[in-house]
Amino acid sequence: MNTDAFIDITAEHCPMTFVRVKLKLEEMSKGQTLTVRLNGGEPLKNVPQSLKDENYSVSKPQIDGNCFLLFVTKN
C-alpha cells in the first residue's frame, strides 16, 4: 500500500503509543494515509480502537516480522 507518512511506535508504551500516532496524524492533511508500525498486545488492541473511536479509517493489522502494520487514513 502506498502511504503518505510512516511512524514506528514499537519503542513506545501505552498510552504514549496512541499519543504519538495522534500527533503525527494532526500534521497530515485530510485523505492522507499513515503507516503505523506497532507491537502486538496492548498497543495492537488499544491504538486501532482509539483511532476508530475518533473516526479515522483503520485497516486490518498486517504482520510485519514480529510487529504489525496499520494503515490509518485521516478523514
N, C-alpha and C. Protein backbone atom coordinates (compact mmCIF):
# COMPACT_ATOMS: atom_id res chain seq x y z
N MET A 1 0.84 -1.18 0.00
CA MET A 1 0.00 0.00 0.00
C MET A 1 0.88 1.24 0.00
N ASN A 2 0.56 2.19 -0.85
CA ASN A 2 1.28 3.45 -0.92
C ASN A 2 0.72 4.41 0.12
N THR A 3 1.57 4.91 1.01
CA THR A 3 1.10 5.80 2.06
C THR A 3 1.87 7.12 2.03
N ASP A 4 1.38 8.09 2.79
CA ASP A 4 1.96 9.43 2.79
C ASP A 4 2.97 9.65 3.90
N ALA A 5 2.90 8.87 4.97
CA ALA A 5 3.81 9.05 6.10
C ALA A 5 3.94 7.73 6.86
N PHE A 6 4.98 7.64 7.70
CA PHE A 6 5.27 6.43 8.46
C PHE A 6 5.66 6.82 9.88
N ILE A 7 5.22 6.01 10.83
CA ILE A 7 5.66 6.18 12.22
C ILE A 7 5.86 4.80 12.84
N ASP A 8 6.95 4.65 13.57
CA ASP A 8 7.26 3.40 14.27
C ASP A 8 7.11 3.66 15.76
N ILE A 9 6.13 3.01 16.37
CA ILE A 9 5.88 3.21 17.80
C ILE A 9 6.22 1.97 18.62
N THR A 10 7.08 1.11 18.06
CA THR A 10 7.42 -0.13 18.76
C THR A 10 8.21 0.11 20.04
N ALA A 11 8.86 1.26 20.17
CA ALA A 11 9.62 1.57 21.39
C ALA A 11 8.76 2.27 22.44
N GLU A 12 7.53 2.60 22.09
CA GLU A 12 6.64 3.33 23.00
C GLU A 12 5.78 2.37 23.81
N HIS A 13 5.25 2.89 24.91
CA HIS A 13 4.34 2.13 25.77
C HIS A 13 3.04 2.92 25.91
N CYS A 14 1.94 2.20 26.08
CA CYS A 14 0.64 2.84 26.27
C CYS A 14 0.70 3.74 27.50
N PRO A 15 0.12 4.91 27.48
CA PRO A 15 -0.74 5.49 26.46
C PRO A 15 0.01 6.29 25.39
N MET A 16 1.35 6.33 25.46
CA MET A 16 2.11 7.13 24.51
C MET A 16 2.01 6.60 23.08
N THR A 17 1.68 5.33 22.91
CA THR A 17 1.54 4.78 21.57
C THR A 17 0.48 5.57 20.80
N PHE A 18 -0.68 5.73 21.39
CA PHE A 18 -1.77 6.46 20.74
C PHE A 18 -1.42 7.94 20.60
N VAL A 19 -0.80 8.52 21.61
CA VAL A 19 -0.45 9.95 21.58
C VAL A 19 0.48 10.24 20.41
N ARG A 20 1.50 9.42 20.21
CA ARG A 20 2.45 9.63 19.10
C ARG A 20 1.75 9.55 17.75
N VAL A 21 0.85 8.56 17.58
CA VAL A 21 0.12 8.42 16.33
C VAL A 21 -0.79 9.62 16.11
N LYS A 22 -1.48 10.03 17.14
CA LYS A 22 -2.41 11.17 17.04
C LYS A 22 -1.66 12.45 16.65
N LEU A 23 -0.51 12.69 17.25
CA LEU A 23 0.28 13.87 16.91
C LEU A 23 0.74 13.85 15.46
N LYS A 24 1.14 12.66 14.98
CA LYS A 24 1.56 12.54 13.59
C LYS A 24 0.39 12.81 12.64
N LEU A 25 -0.78 12.27 12.97
CA LEU A 25 -1.96 12.48 12.13
C LEU A 25 -2.37 13.94 12.08
N GLU A 26 -2.17 14.67 13.17
CA GLU A 26 -2.51 16.09 13.20
C GLU A 26 -1.67 16.91 12.23
N GLU A 27 -0.47 16.41 11.88
CA GLU A 27 0.40 17.08 10.92
C GLU A 27 -0.04 16.82 9.48
N MET A 28 -0.89 15.84 9.28
CA MET A 28 -1.26 15.39 7.94
C MET A 28 -2.55 16.03 7.46
N SER A 29 -2.77 15.99 6.15
CA SER A 29 -3.98 16.54 5.55
C SER A 29 -5.06 15.47 5.43
N LYS A 30 -6.28 15.94 5.33
CA LYS A 30 -7.42 15.05 5.14
C LYS A 30 -7.19 14.19 3.89
N GLY A 31 -7.49 12.90 4.02
CA GLY A 31 -7.34 11.97 2.90
C GLY A 31 -5.98 11.29 2.84
N GLN A 32 -5.01 11.78 3.60
CA GLN A 32 -3.69 11.14 3.60
C GLN A 32 -3.70 9.90 4.47
N THR A 33 -2.78 8.98 4.17
CA THR A 33 -2.70 7.72 4.89
C THR A 33 -1.37 7.59 5.61
N LEU A 34 -1.43 7.16 6.85
CA LEU A 34 -0.27 6.97 7.71
C LEU A 34 -0.05 5.47 7.94
N THR A 35 1.18 5.01 7.76
CA THR A 35 1.54 3.64 8.13
C THR A 35 2.07 3.68 9.56
N VAL A 36 1.52 2.82 10.41
CA VAL A 36 1.93 2.74 11.81
C VAL A 36 2.51 1.35 12.06
N ARG A 37 3.75 1.30 12.52
CA ARG A 37 4.38 0.03 12.91
C ARG A 37 4.30 -0.06 14.43
N LEU A 38 3.68 -1.15 14.91
CA LEU A 38 3.47 -1.28 16.35
C LEU A 38 3.61 -2.72 16.79
N ASN A 39 3.77 -2.88 18.10
CA ASN A 39 3.88 -4.20 18.70
C ASN A 39 2.49 -4.81 18.90
N GLY A 40 2.47 -6.12 19.12
CA GLY A 40 1.24 -6.79 19.47
C GLY A 40 0.87 -6.50 20.92
N GLY A 41 -0.13 -7.19 21.40
CA GLY A 41 -0.56 -7.00 22.78
C GLY A 41 -1.37 -5.74 22.95
N GLU A 42 -1.08 -5.00 24.01
CA GLU A 42 -1.86 -3.81 24.36
C GLU A 42 -1.88 -2.75 23.25
N PRO A 43 -0.73 -2.42 22.62
CA PRO A 43 -0.79 -1.42 21.54
C PRO A 43 -1.69 -1.87 20.38
N LEU A 44 -1.60 -3.14 20.01
CA LEU A 44 -2.40 -3.64 18.90
C LEU A 44 -3.88 -3.64 19.23
N LYS A 45 -4.21 -3.78 20.48
CA LYS A 45 -5.61 -3.75 20.91
C LYS A 45 -6.12 -2.31 21.03
N ASN A 46 -5.33 -1.44 21.66
CA ASN A 46 -5.80 -0.10 22.02
C ASN A 46 -5.67 0.95 20.92
N VAL A 47 -4.57 0.95 20.18
CA VAL A 47 -4.36 2.01 19.19
C VAL A 47 -5.42 1.98 18.09
N PRO A 48 -5.68 0.83 17.45
CA PRO A 48 -6.72 0.83 16.41
C PRO A 48 -8.10 1.23 16.94
N GLN A 49 -8.45 0.75 18.13
CA GLN A 49 -9.76 1.09 18.69
C GLN A 49 -9.87 2.57 19.00
N SER A 50 -8.82 3.15 19.56
CA SER A 50 -8.84 4.58 19.87
C SER A 50 -8.95 5.40 18.60
N LEU A 51 -8.27 4.99 17.54
CA LEU A 51 -8.35 5.70 16.26
C LEU A 51 -9.75 5.59 15.66
N LYS A 52 -10.33 4.42 15.72
CA LYS A 52 -11.70 4.23 15.22
C LYS A 52 -12.68 5.08 16.01
N ASP A 53 -12.47 5.17 17.33
CA ASP A 53 -13.34 5.99 18.18
C ASP A 53 -13.29 7.46 17.78
N GLU A 54 -12.18 7.88 17.16
CA GLU A 54 -12.03 9.27 16.72
C GLU A 54 -12.30 9.42 15.22
N ASN A 55 -12.96 8.42 14.63
CA ASN A 55 -13.43 8.43 13.24
C ASN A 55 -12.34 8.39 12.18
N TYR A 56 -11.21 7.79 12.49
CA TYR A 56 -10.19 7.53 11.48
C TYR A 56 -10.51 6.19 10.83
N SER A 57 -10.16 6.03 9.57
CA SER A 57 -10.29 4.75 8.88
C SER A 57 -9.04 3.94 9.17
N VAL A 58 -9.21 2.74 9.70
CA VAL A 58 -8.08 1.91 10.11
C VAL A 58 -8.18 0.55 9.43
N SER A 59 -7.07 0.13 8.82
CA SER A 59 -7.04 -1.16 8.14
C SER A 59 -6.93 -2.30 9.16
N LYS A 60 -7.18 -3.49 8.68
CA LYS A 60 -6.92 -4.69 9.48
C LYS A 60 -5.40 -4.79 9.65
N PRO A 61 -4.90 -5.11 10.86
CA PRO A 61 -3.45 -5.20 11.07
C PRO A 61 -2.80 -6.25 10.17
N GLN A 62 -1.63 -5.93 9.67
CA GLN A 62 -0.85 -6.86 8.85
C GLN A 62 0.43 -7.20 9.59
N ILE A 63 0.83 -8.46 9.52
CA ILE A 63 2.05 -8.90 10.18
C ILE A 63 3.26 -8.35 9.43
N ASP A 64 4.22 -7.82 10.20
CA ASP A 64 5.47 -7.29 9.65
C ASP A 64 6.62 -7.84 10.50
N GLY A 65 7.07 -9.02 10.19
CA GLY A 65 8.09 -9.68 11.01
C GLY A 65 7.49 -10.03 12.36
N ASN A 66 8.06 -9.49 13.43
CA ASN A 66 7.50 -9.74 14.77
C ASN A 66 6.67 -8.55 15.26
N CYS A 67 6.32 -7.64 14.35
CA CYS A 67 5.47 -6.48 14.66
C CYS A 67 4.26 -6.49 13.74
N PHE A 68 3.51 -5.40 13.76
CA PHE A 68 2.32 -5.26 12.93
C PHE A 68 2.34 -3.90 12.25
N LEU A 69 1.61 -3.81 11.12
CA LEU A 69 1.41 -2.56 10.42
C LEU A 69 -0.06 -2.24 10.37
N LEU A 70 -0.38 -0.98 10.62
CA LEU A 70 -1.74 -0.45 10.44
C LEU A 70 -1.66 0.66 9.41
N PHE A 71 -2.70 0.80 8.63
CA PHE A 71 -2.79 1.89 7.67
C PHE A 71 -3.99 2.75 8.11
N VAL A 72 -3.71 3.99 8.44
CA VAL A 72 -4.72 4.89 9.01
C VAL A 72 -4.92 6.06 8.05
N THR A 73 -6.18 6.27 7.65
CA THR A 73 -6.49 7.38 6.77
C THR A 73 -7.20 8.47 7.55
N LYS A 74 -6.71 9.68 7.37
CA LYS A 74 -7.31 10.83 8.06
C LYS A 74 -8.54 11.26 7.29
N ASN A 75 -9.69 11.18 7.94
CA ASN A 75 -10.96 11.56 7.31
C ASN A 75 -11.27 13.02 7.52
